[in-house]
Protein backbone atom coordinates (compact mmCIF):
# COMPACT_ATOMS: atom_id res chain seq x y z
CA MET A 1 -0.17 0.98 -0.09
CA ALA A 2 1.77 3.60 -0.99
CA HIS A 3 2.29 5.70 1.89
CA PRO A 4 0.02 8.80 2.26
CA ILE A 5 0.44 12.20 0.77
CA ARG A 6 1.98 14.41 3.34
CA ILE A 7 0.94 17.68 4.23
CA LEU A 8 2.81 20.28 6.41
CA VAL A 9 0.50 23.71 6.74
CA ILE A 10 2.98 26.13 7.86
CA ASN A 11 1.13 28.77 10.41
CA PRO A 12 3.21 31.89 9.47
CA ASN A 13 2.68 33.76 12.70
CA SER A 14 2.70 32.85 16.39
CA ASP A 15 -0.47 33.43 17.24
CA GLU A 16 -1.83 29.65 18.58
CA LYS A 17 -5.51 30.90 18.56
CA THR A 18 -4.59 30.88 14.43
CA CYS A 19 -2.70 26.90 14.82
CA VAL A 20 -6.08 25.68 16.79
CA LEU A 21 -8.36 26.86 14.35
CA MET A 22 -6.20 25.27 11.54
CA ARG A 23 -5.83 22.39 12.89
CA GLU A 24 -10.13 22.77 12.69
CA THR A 25 -10.23 22.92 9.38
CA VAL A 26 -7.80 19.83 8.77
CA ASP A 27 -9.84 17.91 11.06
CA ARG A 28 -12.68 18.58 8.76
CA PHE A 29 -9.88 17.84 5.36
CA PRO A 30 -11.38 14.66 3.13
CA GLN A 31 -8.01 12.28 4.55
CA GLU A 32 -8.49 9.18 3.01
CA GLY A 33 -5.05 8.87 2.02
CA CYS A 34 -4.08 12.50 3.39
CA GLN A 35 -1.37 13.36 6.40
CA VAL A 36 -1.69 16.48 7.49
CA ASP A 37 0.25 18.62 10.60
CA VAL A 38 0.38 21.99 11.38
CA VAL A 39 3.05 23.95 12.53
CA GLY A 40 3.32 27.86 13.41
CA LEU A 41 6.23 30.08 14.23
CA THR A 42 7.17 31.67 16.97
CA THR A 43 9.73 33.86 15.74
CA ALA A 44 6.75 35.63 13.33
CA PRO A 45 4.31 38.22 14.89
CA LYS A 46 1.08 37.60 16.21
CA LEU A 47 -0.24 39.12 12.23
CA VAL A 48 1.22 39.31 9.72
CA ALA A 49 0.08 42.76 8.64
CA SER A 50 2.99 44.47 7.22
CA TYR A 51 6.31 43.77 4.46
CA GLU A 52 9.06 44.30 7.61
CA ASP A 53 6.34 41.88 9.35
CA ARG A 54 6.86 39.18 6.46
CA THR A 55 10.69 38.61 7.38
CA ALA A 56 10.62 38.67 10.98
CA ALA A 57 10.47 34.58 10.98
CA VAL A 58 12.10 34.52 7.31
CA ASP A 59 15.45 32.59 9.34
CA GLU A 60 12.97 30.02 11.06
CA LEU A 61 11.06 29.68 7.48
CA LYS A 62 14.08 28.58 6.25
CA ASP A 63 14.94 25.69 9.03
CA VAL A 64 11.70 24.76 8.86
CA LEU A 65 11.09 23.97 5.43
CA ARG A 66 14.89 22.64 5.26
CA ARG A 67 14.62 20.29 7.92
CA SER A 68 10.82 19.05 6.41
CA GLU A 69 11.53 18.62 2.86
CA ASN A 70 11.60 15.33 2.60
CA VAL A 71 9.14 13.95 5.27
CA TYR A 72 6.09 15.10 3.59
CA ASP A 73 4.82 15.70 -0.17
CA ALA A 74 3.53 19.01 0.04
CA PHE A 75 3.89 22.66 2.04
CA ILE A 76 1.16 25.35 2.65
CA LEU A 77 2.13 28.53 3.78
CA ALA A 78 -1.49 29.98 5.79
CA CYS A 79 -1.33 33.50 5.81
CA HIS A 80 -3.29 35.13 2.86
CA ALA A 81 -0.46 37.79 2.80
CA ASP A 82 1.56 34.03 0.88
CA PRO A 83 4.55 36.06 2.50
CA ASN A 84 7.92 34.66 0.84
CA LEU A 85 5.78 32.11 -0.51
CA GLU A 86 8.49 32.53 -3.71
CA LEU A 87 11.10 31.68 -0.99
CA ALA A 88 9.78 28.79 -0.29
CA ARG A 89 9.11 27.29 -3.51
CA GLU A 90 12.65 28.34 -4.15
CA ILE A 91 14.53 26.02 -0.87
CA VAL A 92 12.46 22.58 -1.61
CA SER A 93 11.36 21.20 -4.28
CA LYS A 94 7.84 20.11 -3.85
CA PRO A 95 4.79 21.71 -4.20
CA VAL A 96 4.44 25.14 -2.12
CA VAL A 97 0.56 26.38 -1.82
CA GLY A 98 -0.23 29.85 -0.78
CA ILE A 99 -3.81 30.16 0.81
CA ALA A 100 -4.07 33.61 -0.49
CA GLU A 101 -2.85 32.66 -4.38
CA ALA A 102 -5.07 29.35 -3.77
CA SER A 103 -8.46 30.72 -2.66
CA MET A 104 -8.40 33.84 -5.53
CA LYS A 105 -7.63 31.68 -8.03
CA LEU A 106 -10.76 29.07 -7.06
CA ALA A 107 -12.54 32.46 -6.33
CA ALA A 108 -12.64 33.89 -10.05
CA SER A 109 -13.11 30.34 -11.42
CA VAL A 110 -16.91 30.94 -10.84
CA GLY A 111 -18.08 33.67 -11.81
CA SER A 112 -17.17 37.60 -12.53
CA GLY A 113 -15.50 38.71 -9.64
CA PHE A 114 -15.15 38.31 -6.08
CA ALA A 115 -14.37 40.31 -2.47
CA VAL A 116 -12.17 39.28 0.08
CA ILE A 117 -12.63 40.08 3.25
CA SER A 118 -9.42 41.97 5.39
CA PRO A 119 -8.54 42.33 9.21
CA THR A 120 -7.09 45.40 8.99
CA PRO A 121 -6.58 48.78 6.46
CA LYS A 122 -2.94 47.94 6.52
CA THR A 123 -3.67 44.92 4.05
CA ARG A 124 -5.73 46.20 1.94
CA SER A 125 -2.99 47.74 -0.64
CA GLY A 126 -1.86 44.05 0.03
CA LYS A 127 -4.61 42.22 -1.50
CA TYR A 128 -4.94 44.77 -4.42
CA ALA A 129 -0.82 43.67 -5.24
CA LEU A 130 -1.30 40.09 -4.99
CA ALA A 131 -4.04 39.88 -6.79
CA HIS A 132 -2.15 42.12 -9.86
CA LYS A 133 1.08 38.95 -9.37
CA TYR A 134 -1.78 36.15 -9.61
CA HIS A 135 -3.44 38.30 -12.32
CA LEU A 136 -6.23 38.66 -11.47
CA ASP A 137 -6.66 42.25 -11.42
CA SER A 138 -9.60 41.96 -13.35
CA PHE A 139 -11.68 39.47 -10.66
CA LEU A 140 -10.95 41.61 -7.82
CA LYS A 141 -13.85 44.01 -6.56
CA GLY A 142 -13.04 44.85 -3.04
CA VAL A 143 -11.45 44.82 -0.12
CA ILE A 144 -14.11 44.89 2.88
CA VAL A 145 -11.90 45.22 6.18
CA SER A 146 -14.24 42.85 8.77
CA LYS A 147 -14.64 44.43 12.99
CA SER A 148 -13.02 41.10 14.12
CA ASP A 149 -12.46 37.11 13.07
CA ASP A 150 -15.99 36.70 14.63
CA PRO A 151 -17.76 35.16 12.84
CA GLU A 152 -21.25 37.55 12.87
CA ASP A 153 -18.24 40.56 11.83
CA LEU A 154 -18.30 38.75 9.36
CA LEU A 155 -20.96 37.85 7.62
CA ALA A 156 -21.37 41.80 8.36
CA ALA A 157 -18.64 42.12 5.96
CA ALA A 158 -19.75 39.55 3.86
CA ARG A 159 -22.77 41.43 3.21
CA GLU A 160 -21.46 44.26 2.51
CA ALA A 161 -19.26 42.57 -0.44
CA VAL A 162 -21.73 41.52 -2.65
CA ARG A 163 -23.08 44.68 -2.56
CA THR A 164 -20.45 45.72 -5.01
CA PRO A 165 -21.43 45.32 -8.63
CA CYS A 166 -20.09 41.83 -9.94
CA VAL A 167 -18.81 39.90 -7.17
CA ASP A 168 -19.98 36.25 -7.31
CA ALA A 169 -17.83 35.28 -4.35
CA VAL A 170 -16.63 36.37 -0.77
CA VAL A 171 -12.59 35.61 0.10
CA LEU A 172 -12.07 34.67 3.58
CA GLY A 173 -8.62 37.43 3.47
CA CYS A 174 -7.50 36.06 6.92
CA ALA A 175 -5.93 32.40 8.06
CA ASN A 176 -7.92 33.59 11.60
CA TYR A 177 -11.15 33.54 9.55
CA THR A 178 -11.23 29.21 8.53
CA GLY A 179 -13.59 27.64 9.95
CA ALA A 180 -16.17 30.31 8.61
CA ASP A 181 -17.60 29.77 4.80
CA ARG A 182 -20.06 27.41 5.78
CA TYR A 183 -21.55 29.65 7.76
CA ILE A 184 -21.31 32.66 5.46
CA GLU A 185 -22.22 31.21 2.33
CA LYS A 186 -25.24 29.04 3.97
CA ARG A 187 -26.66 32.93 5.51
CA LEU A 188 -25.31 35.02 1.67
CA GLY A 189 -25.86 31.61 -0.87
CA VAL A 190 -23.04 33.01 -2.86
CA PRO A 191 -19.31 30.77 -2.79
CA VAL A 192 -17.18 31.52 0.24
CA PHE A 193 -13.77 30.43 -0.21
CA ASP A 194 -11.60 29.89 2.44
CA GLY A 195 -8.17 30.65 1.62
CA VAL A 196 -6.90 26.75 4.06
CA ALA A 197 -9.50 24.50 3.27
CA CYS A 198 -9.15 25.46 -0.85
CA ALA A 199 -4.84 25.10 -0.17
CA LEU A 200 -5.30 21.72 1.03
CA PHE A 201 -7.30 20.84 -1.97
CA LEU A 202 -4.83 22.23 -3.96
CA ALA A 203 -1.72 20.90 -1.75
CA ALA A 204 -3.46 17.80 -2.26
CA GLY A 205 -4.07 17.96 -5.55
CA LEU A 206 -0.33 18.76 -6.62
CA ALA A 207 1.40 16.37 -4.37
CA ARG A 208 -0.66 13.07 -5.77
CA TYR A 209 -0.66 14.48 -9.46
CA ARG A 210 2.84 14.41 -8.86
CA ARG A 211 3.57 10.90 -7.65
CA TYR A 212 1.62 9.64 -10.51
CA LYS A 213 3.95 11.27 -12.78
CA THR A 214 6.53 9.05 -10.92
């Protein structure tokens, strides 16, 4: 019997609450033939909101990747800024998926446009920069800041988002929002994309495809 696909979810911040939420999402992930672990970076800030924040734990990230490359089949950078994604892809030969790229590209596949829910105004410009980087400028219709990661505040932000013209989907633009997708989707009736969940499906698919090819 082939050994299971192994995925490492790396939380680029030091907030243990975020790791707990990610593990809950992992527990809901269809895991037949797949093993997923979650690790946080202790030298990172609790929220990665600026370009300076992205550099705080670079050395620890590189160490985690180098120690883990021969253990795992794919990696996920679980911050919606996709911090140091290119660096991670340079260090390891396995697939590395960023949750912003995964959620934005999947959201763009379901309609004419999407809006991103974000935790702070500081990250607004970064969302547009990521959309440009991923060639999704024409799909990102707006960035809405939520008051908190409480489900009701996220729902209120999503309601505002879907009032924007041409918004057919909502992207949850923070790893702390993981697990809120079903709650919001059920009440709004539009697709809601959880970056951690999107990245899990992409990482597992990429790992399986690479194994299939060999």
